[in-house]
Amino acid sequence: MNSPRSQRRLPRRAGNYYLRLAGIAGGGCLIAYVLFIFIAKVIHPYQMGFSVERDIRTVRAELKKQQAKNTLLARRLDYLKTPEGAETEARRAGYSRPGEIVYLLRSAASASSSSNSATPAH
């Protein structure tokens, strides 16, 4: 029964070899995917921290700009509450005092452009 022929090894089947190779490749892909997900989960909080810090710096810079603008507007408002400020703003709006004659002066650039448009083209 135990003759050398019966103990001889049967040749490998090609299907088993490719199945094992596909299993190893699939397992490698699964390990790579799990590793990728793990690394992404570990790195994500650090990325969020950096983006939050960048957003905080941006918002603080915008806050400083808005505070400077607010200060400027508060000064302007205080000036407009004075009699001189009210008069200045009224004159800019075209108002004048009773009995006052208003003269409008044109700048040299606007005067030359209006005189050029008044001359007929030949």
N, C-alpha and C. Protein backbone atom coordinates (compact mmCIF):
# COMPACT_ATOMS: atom_id res chain seq x y z
N MET A 1 0.80 -1.19 0.00
CA MET A 1 0.00 0.00 0.00
C MET A 1 0.84 1.26 0.00
N ASN A 2 1.87 1.22 0.75
CA ASN A 2 2.71 2.40 0.78
C ASN A 2 3.83 2.28 -0.25
N SER A 3 3.47 2.23 -1.42
CA SER A 3 4.47 2.16 -2.47
C SER A 3 4.91 3.57 -2.83
N PRO A 4 6.07 3.68 -3.43
CA PRO A 4 6.55 5.01 -3.76
C PRO A 4 5.62 5.75 -4.69
N ARG A 5 4.84 5.07 -5.45
CA ARG A 5 3.92 5.75 -6.35
C ARG A 5 2.76 6.38 -5.60
N SER A 6 2.30 5.74 -4.57
CA SER A 6 1.16 6.27 -3.85
C SER A 6 1.55 7.48 -3.00
N GLN A 7 2.80 7.59 -2.65
CA GLN A 7 3.25 8.74 -1.86
C GLN A 7 3.69 9.90 -2.75
N ARG A 8 3.66 9.69 -4.00
CA ARG A 8 4.05 10.75 -4.92
C ARG A 8 3.09 11.93 -4.83
N ARG A 9 3.64 13.08 -4.90
CA ARG A 9 2.83 14.30 -4.79
C ARG A 9 2.11 14.59 -6.10
N LEU A 10 0.88 15.01 -5.98
CA LEU A 10 0.11 15.35 -7.15
C LEU A 10 0.53 16.75 -7.63
N PRO A 11 0.52 16.97 -8.91
CA PRO A 11 0.91 18.31 -9.41
C PRO A 11 -0.09 19.38 -8.93
N ARG A 12 0.45 20.58 -8.77
CA ARG A 12 -0.42 21.69 -8.34
C ARG A 12 -1.40 22.04 -9.42
N ARG A 13 -2.52 22.42 -8.95
CA ARG A 13 -3.51 22.90 -9.91
C ARG A 13 -3.32 24.41 -10.06
N ALA A 14 -3.42 24.89 -11.25
CA ALA A 14 -3.22 26.32 -11.51
C ALA A 14 -4.28 27.16 -10.81
N GLY A 15 -5.48 26.66 -10.69
CA GLY A 15 -6.55 27.41 -10.05
C GLY A 15 -6.27 27.68 -8.58
N ASN A 16 -5.72 26.75 -7.87
CA ASN A 16 -5.41 26.96 -6.46
C ASN A 16 -4.34 28.03 -6.29
N TYR A 17 -3.34 28.04 -7.15
CA TYR A 17 -2.27 29.03 -7.07
C TYR A 17 -2.81 30.44 -7.27
N TYR A 18 -3.62 30.63 -8.29
CA TYR A 18 -4.17 31.96 -8.57
C TYR A 18 -5.18 32.39 -7.50
N LEU A 19 -5.87 31.42 -6.94
CA LEU A 19 -6.80 31.74 -5.86
C LEU A 19 -6.04 32.24 -4.63
N ARG A 20 -4.94 31.57 -4.30
CA ARG A 20 -4.12 32.02 -3.17
C ARG A 20 -3.53 33.39 -3.45
N LEU A 21 -3.06 33.60 -4.67
CA LEU A 21 -2.48 34.90 -5.04
C LEU A 21 -3.54 36.00 -4.95
N ALA A 22 -4.75 35.72 -5.40
CA ALA A 22 -5.84 36.70 -5.30
C ALA A 22 -6.19 36.95 -3.84
N GLY A 23 -6.16 35.92 -3.02
CA GLY A 23 -6.46 36.09 -1.60
C GLY A 23 -5.40 36.94 -0.91
N ILE A 24 -4.14 36.72 -1.25
CA ILE A 24 -3.06 37.53 -0.66
C ILE A 24 -3.18 38.98 -1.11
N ALA A 25 -3.46 39.19 -2.41
CA ALA A 25 -3.60 40.56 -2.93
C ALA A 25 -4.80 41.24 -2.28
N GLY A 26 -5.90 40.53 -2.16
CA GLY A 26 -7.10 41.11 -1.51
C GLY A 26 -6.83 41.44 -0.06
N GLY A 27 -6.13 40.54 0.63
CA GLY A 27 -5.79 40.80 2.03
C GLY A 27 -4.86 42.00 2.16
N GLY A 28 -3.91 42.11 1.23
CA GLY A 28 -3.01 43.28 1.23
C GLY A 28 -3.77 44.57 1.01
N CYS A 29 -4.72 44.53 0.08
CA CYS A 29 -5.55 45.73 -0.17
C CYS A 29 -6.38 46.08 1.06
N LEU A 30 -6.92 45.07 1.71
CA LEU A 30 -7.72 45.31 2.91
C LEU A 30 -6.86 45.92 4.02
N ILE A 31 -5.67 45.39 4.20
CA ILE A 31 -4.76 45.94 5.22
C ILE A 31 -4.39 47.38 4.87
N ALA A 32 -4.10 47.65 3.59
CA ALA A 32 -3.75 49.01 3.18
C ALA A 32 -4.92 49.96 3.43
N TYR A 33 -6.15 49.51 3.15
CA TYR A 33 -7.33 50.35 3.36
C TYR A 33 -7.52 50.65 4.84
N VAL A 34 -7.41 49.62 5.67
CA VAL A 34 -7.57 49.81 7.12
C VAL A 34 -6.49 50.75 7.64
N LEU A 35 -5.27 50.58 7.17
CA LEU A 35 -4.18 51.45 7.59
C LEU A 35 -4.44 52.89 7.16
N PHE A 36 -4.93 53.07 5.94
CA PHE A 36 -5.25 54.41 5.44
C PHE A 36 -6.33 55.07 6.30
N ILE A 37 -7.38 54.34 6.62
CA ILE A 37 -8.46 54.88 7.45
C ILE A 37 -7.94 55.23 8.84
N PHE A 38 -7.12 54.37 9.40
CA PHE A 38 -6.56 54.62 10.73
C PHE A 38 -5.71 55.89 10.72
N ILE A 39 -4.85 56.02 9.72
CA ILE A 39 -3.99 57.21 9.64
C ILE A 39 -4.84 58.46 9.44
N ALA A 40 -5.88 58.36 8.61
CA ALA A 40 -6.76 59.51 8.39
C ALA A 40 -7.46 59.92 9.68
N LYS A 41 -7.88 58.94 10.48
CA LYS A 41 -8.54 59.25 11.75
C LYS A 41 -7.57 59.88 12.74
N VAL A 42 -6.32 59.47 12.69
CA VAL A 42 -5.32 60.02 13.62
C VAL A 42 -4.92 61.43 13.20
N ILE A 43 -4.77 61.66 11.91
CA ILE A 43 -4.29 62.96 11.42
C ILE A 43 -5.40 64.01 11.40
N HIS A 44 -6.64 63.60 11.22
CA HIS A 44 -7.75 64.56 11.07
C HIS A 44 -7.84 65.58 12.21
N PRO A 45 -7.75 65.19 13.47
CA PRO A 45 -7.83 66.22 14.53
C PRO A 45 -6.72 67.27 14.43
N TYR A 46 -5.54 66.86 14.03
CA TYR A 46 -4.45 67.83 13.88
C TYR A 46 -4.73 68.79 12.73
N GLN A 47 -5.27 68.27 11.64
CA GLN A 47 -5.63 69.14 10.53
C GLN A 47 -6.72 70.12 10.94
N MET A 48 -7.69 69.64 11.70
CA MET A 48 -8.76 70.52 12.17
C MET A 48 -8.19 71.61 13.07
N GLY A 49 -7.24 71.25 13.91
CA GLY A 49 -6.62 72.25 14.79
C GLY A 49 -5.93 73.33 14.00
N PHE A 50 -5.20 72.95 12.95
CA PHE A 50 -4.51 73.95 12.13
C PHE A 50 -5.49 74.85 11.40
N SER A 51 -6.57 74.27 10.88
CA SER A 51 -7.54 75.10 10.16
C SER A 51 -8.29 76.02 11.12
N VAL A 52 -8.56 75.55 12.32
CA VAL A 52 -9.24 76.40 13.31
C VAL A 52 -8.33 77.56 13.71
N GLU A 53 -7.05 77.28 13.91
CA GLU A 53 -6.12 78.36 14.26
C GLU A 53 -6.02 79.38 13.14
N ARG A 54 -6.00 78.91 11.89
CA ARG A 54 -5.96 79.83 10.75
C ARG A 54 -7.22 80.68 10.71
N ASP A 55 -8.38 80.06 10.96
CA ASP A 55 -9.64 80.80 10.97
C ASP A 55 -9.66 81.83 12.10
N ILE A 56 -9.12 81.47 13.25
CA ILE A 56 -9.07 82.40 14.38
C ILE A 56 -8.21 83.61 14.03
N ARG A 57 -7.06 83.37 13.40
CA ARG A 57 -6.21 84.50 12.99
C ARG A 57 -6.92 85.40 12.00
N THR A 58 -7.64 84.79 11.05
CA THR A 58 -8.37 85.57 10.05
C THR A 58 -9.46 86.41 10.71
N VAL A 59 -10.20 85.81 11.61
CA VAL A 59 -11.29 86.52 12.28
C VAL A 59 -10.74 87.64 13.17
N ARG A 60 -9.62 87.39 13.84
CA ARG A 60 -9.03 88.45 14.67
C ARG A 60 -8.57 89.63 13.83
N ALA A 61 -7.98 89.36 12.66
CA ALA A 61 -7.56 90.44 11.78
C ALA A 61 -8.78 91.23 11.30
N GLU A 62 -9.84 90.53 10.95
CA GLU A 62 -11.07 91.20 10.52
C GLU A 62 -11.67 92.02 11.67
N LEU A 63 -11.59 91.50 12.89
CA LEU A 63 -12.10 92.22 14.06
C LEU A 63 -11.33 93.52 14.26
N LYS A 64 -10.00 93.47 14.11
CA LYS A 64 -9.20 94.69 14.26
C LYS A 64 -9.59 95.73 13.23
N LYS A 65 -9.81 95.28 11.98
CA LYS A 65 -10.23 96.22 10.92
C LYS A 65 -11.58 96.85 11.27
N GLN A 66 -12.51 96.02 11.72
CA GLN A 66 -13.85 96.53 12.05
C GLN A 66 -13.81 97.47 13.26
N GLN A 67 -12.95 97.18 14.24
CA GLN A 67 -12.83 98.06 15.39
C GLN A 67 -12.24 99.41 14.99
N ALA A 68 -11.25 99.41 14.08
CA ALA A 68 -10.68 100.66 13.60
C ALA A 68 -11.73 101.46 12.83
N LYS A 69 -12.50 100.77 12.00
CA LYS A 69 -13.57 101.44 11.25
C LYS A 69 -14.62 101.99 12.20
N ASN A 70 -14.96 101.24 13.24
CA ASN A 70 -15.95 101.68 14.22
C ASN A 70 -15.46 102.93 14.96
N THR A 71 -14.17 102.94 15.31
CA THR A 71 -13.60 104.11 15.99
C THR A 71 -13.67 105.34 15.08
N LEU A 72 -13.32 105.15 13.81
CA LEU A 72 -13.37 106.26 12.85
C LEU A 72 -14.80 106.79 12.71
N LEU A 73 -15.77 105.88 12.61
CA LEU A 73 -17.17 106.31 12.48
C LEU A 73 -17.68 106.99 13.75
N ALA A 74 -17.22 106.53 14.91
CA ALA A 74 -17.62 107.17 16.16
C ALA A 74 -17.09 108.61 16.23
N ARG A 75 -15.84 108.80 15.79
CA ARG A 75 -15.28 110.16 15.75
C ARG A 75 -16.07 111.06 14.80
N ARG A 76 -16.39 110.49 13.63
CA ARG A 76 -17.16 111.27 12.64
C ARG A 76 -18.53 111.64 13.21
N LEU A 77 -19.15 110.70 13.89
CA LEU A 77 -20.47 110.97 14.49
C LEU A 77 -20.36 112.07 15.55
N ASP A 78 -19.33 112.00 16.38
CA ASP A 78 -19.13 113.05 17.39
C ASP A 78 -18.95 114.41 16.72
N TYR A 79 -18.21 114.44 15.60
CA TYR A 79 -18.00 115.70 14.88
C TYR A 79 -19.31 116.21 14.29
N LEU A 80 -20.10 115.32 13.74
CA LEU A 80 -21.37 115.74 13.13
C LEU A 80 -22.38 116.22 14.17
N LYS A 81 -22.20 115.85 15.41
CA LYS A 81 -23.10 116.32 16.47
C LYS A 81 -22.77 117.75 16.89
N THR A 82 -21.62 118.27 16.49
CA THR A 82 -21.25 119.64 16.81
C THR A 82 -21.90 120.58 15.79
N PRO A 83 -22.05 121.86 16.12
CA PRO A 83 -22.64 122.82 15.16
C PRO A 83 -21.80 122.94 13.87
N GLU A 84 -20.47 122.90 14.00
CA GLU A 84 -19.62 123.02 12.81
C GLU A 84 -19.80 121.81 11.90
N GLY A 85 -19.90 120.63 12.49
CA GLY A 85 -20.09 119.42 11.70
C GLY A 85 -21.42 119.41 10.99
N ALA A 86 -22.48 119.85 11.68
CA ALA A 86 -23.80 119.90 11.06
C ALA A 86 -23.81 120.89 9.90
N GLU A 87 -23.15 122.05 10.09
CA GLU A 87 -23.10 123.05 9.02
C GLU A 87 -22.31 122.53 7.82
N THR A 88 -21.20 121.88 8.08
CA THR A 88 -20.39 121.33 6.98
C THR A 88 -21.17 120.31 6.17
N GLU A 89 -21.87 119.45 6.85
CA GLU A 89 -22.64 118.41 6.15
C GLU A 89 -23.81 119.03 5.40
N ALA A 90 -24.44 120.06 5.96
CA ALA A 90 -25.55 120.74 5.28
C ALA A 90 -25.05 121.44 4.02
N ARG A 91 -23.88 122.04 4.08
CA ARG A 91 -23.33 122.71 2.88
C ARG A 91 -22.97 121.67 1.81
N ARG A 92 -22.48 120.52 2.22
CA ARG A 92 -22.19 119.46 1.23
C ARG A 92 -23.47 118.98 0.56
N ALA A 93 -24.57 119.03 1.29
CA ALA A 93 -25.85 118.61 0.74
C ALA A 93 -26.49 119.69 -0.13
N GLY A 94 -25.89 120.90 -0.17
CA GLY A 94 -26.40 121.96 -1.04
C GLY A 94 -27.22 123.03 -0.33
N TYR A 95 -27.28 122.99 0.99
CA TYR A 95 -28.03 124.00 1.73
C TYR A 95 -27.16 125.25 1.94
N SER A 96 -27.84 126.39 2.08
CA SER A 96 -27.14 127.64 2.39
C SER A 96 -27.98 128.43 3.38
N ARG A 97 -27.36 129.41 3.98
CA ARG A 97 -28.08 130.26 4.94
C ARG A 97 -28.93 131.27 4.18
N PRO A 98 -29.99 131.77 4.82
CA PRO A 98 -30.84 132.77 4.15
C PRO A 98 -30.03 134.03 3.82
N GLY A 99 -30.19 134.51 2.59
CA GLY A 99 -29.51 135.72 2.14
C GLY A 99 -28.09 135.47 1.67
N GLU A 100 -27.64 134.26 1.70
CA GLU A 100 -26.27 133.93 1.30
C GLU A 100 -26.24 133.59 -0.19
N ILE A 101 -25.23 134.06 -0.90
CA ILE A 101 -25.08 133.74 -2.31
C ILE A 101 -24.03 132.63 -2.43
N VAL A 102 -24.38 131.58 -3.15
CA VAL A 102 -23.50 130.43 -3.28
C VAL A 102 -22.84 130.47 -4.65
N TYR A 103 -21.53 130.41 -4.68
CA TYR A 103 -20.77 130.34 -5.92
C TYR A 103 -20.20 128.92 -6.05
N LEU A 104 -20.38 128.34 -7.21
CA LEU A 104 -19.83 127.02 -7.47
C LEU A 104 -18.59 127.16 -8.32
N LEU A 105 -17.51 126.61 -7.87
CA LEU A 105 -16.25 126.66 -8.61
C LEU A 105 -15.98 125.28 -9.20
N ARG A 106 -15.60 125.29 -10.46
CA ARG A 106 -15.26 124.04 -11.11
C ARG A 106 -13.75 123.88 -11.11
N SER A 107 -13.32 122.65 -11.04
CA SER A 107 -11.88 122.43 -11.12
C SER A 107 -11.44 122.57 -12.58
N ALA A 108 -10.16 122.73 -12.80
CA ALA A 108 -9.64 122.93 -14.15
C ALA A 108 -9.93 121.73 -15.04
N ALA A 109 -9.86 120.54 -14.52
CA ALA A 109 -10.10 119.33 -15.31
C ALA A 109 -11.54 119.24 -15.75
N SER A 110 -12.47 119.53 -14.84
CA SER A 110 -13.88 119.44 -15.22
C SER A 110 -14.28 120.59 -16.14
N ALA A 111 -13.66 121.76 -15.98
CA ALA A 111 -13.97 122.90 -16.85
C ALA A 111 -13.49 122.63 -18.27
N SER A 112 -12.31 122.03 -18.43
CA SER A 112 -11.81 121.76 -19.77
C SER A 112 -12.59 120.65 -20.45
N SER A 113 -13.05 119.68 -19.70
CA SER A 113 -13.84 118.60 -20.31
C SER A 113 -15.21 119.10 -20.73
N SER A 114 -15.80 120.00 -19.96
CA SER A 114 -17.12 120.53 -20.34
C SER A 114 -16.99 121.48 -21.52
N SER A 115 -15.88 122.24 -21.63
CA SER A 115 -15.71 123.13 -22.77
C SER A 115 -15.39 122.35 -24.05
N ASN A 116 -14.70 121.22 -23.92
CA ASN A 116 -14.42 120.37 -25.07
C ASN A 116 -15.70 119.74 -25.61
N SER A 117 -16.60 119.37 -24.72
CA SER A 117 -17.84 118.76 -25.18
C SER A 117 -18.78 119.80 -25.78
N ALA A 118 -18.60 121.09 -25.42
CA ALA A 118 -19.47 122.15 -25.94
C ALA A 118 -19.04 122.58 -27.33
N THR A 119 -17.78 122.38 -27.70
CA THR A 119 -17.34 122.79 -29.02
C THR A 119 -17.76 121.75 -30.05
N PRO A 120 -18.29 122.22 -31.20
CA PRO A 120 -18.75 121.27 -32.21
C PRO A 120 -17.55 120.60 -32.92
N ALA A 121 -17.74 119.35 -33.31
CA ALA A 121 -16.69 118.62 -34.02
C ALA A 121 -16.74 118.97 -35.49
N HIS A 122 -15.59 119.17 -36.15
CA HIS A 122 -15.55 119.52 -37.58
C HIS A 122 -15.35 118.33 -38.42
